[in-house]
Amino acid sequence: TQPGMNFMQAASQMSLKLQQTPAFHRGQYLPGIGISKEFQDAAFALSENAPMSAPVKTAKGFCILHLDARFPTDENKYQQEKETFRNSLLVEKSNAAINELMAQLRLQADLKDNLSQLNTSTPTAN
């Protein structure tokens, strides 16, 4: 690449495939990428001062991200949906904590599966 080239010119010169995502939020499915925490973490770390990412590995290959635009949060929509989101996140976290507790209790209880033995040793009535 030559000094002074922009991102699109450099990618084109190197015959790299360019794909622009639609505006998205965290956790959203992206066409051609899917749901990728690594991709989204890299995208939301971009700034005006650092508009290009290092290569990011996704399930579909490697990407280099370039920040085109950032859209501010709609404060009114945020205020309307904040409590619903908070409640759903609270339920999700409590379910995860309960599942973890149940898994630990099962390990501590050292339960044995005797149902398979019971089914094979039960005499049949004629």
Foldseek 3Di string as FASTA:
>chain_A
DDPPDDPVVVCVVVVHDDDDWDDDDQPDQTPPAGHDPQVVVQCVVADPVRQWGDWTQGPNGIDIGGDDDDDDDPVVVCVVCVVVVVVVVVVVVVVVVVVVVVVVVCVVVVDDDCPVVVVVPDDDDD
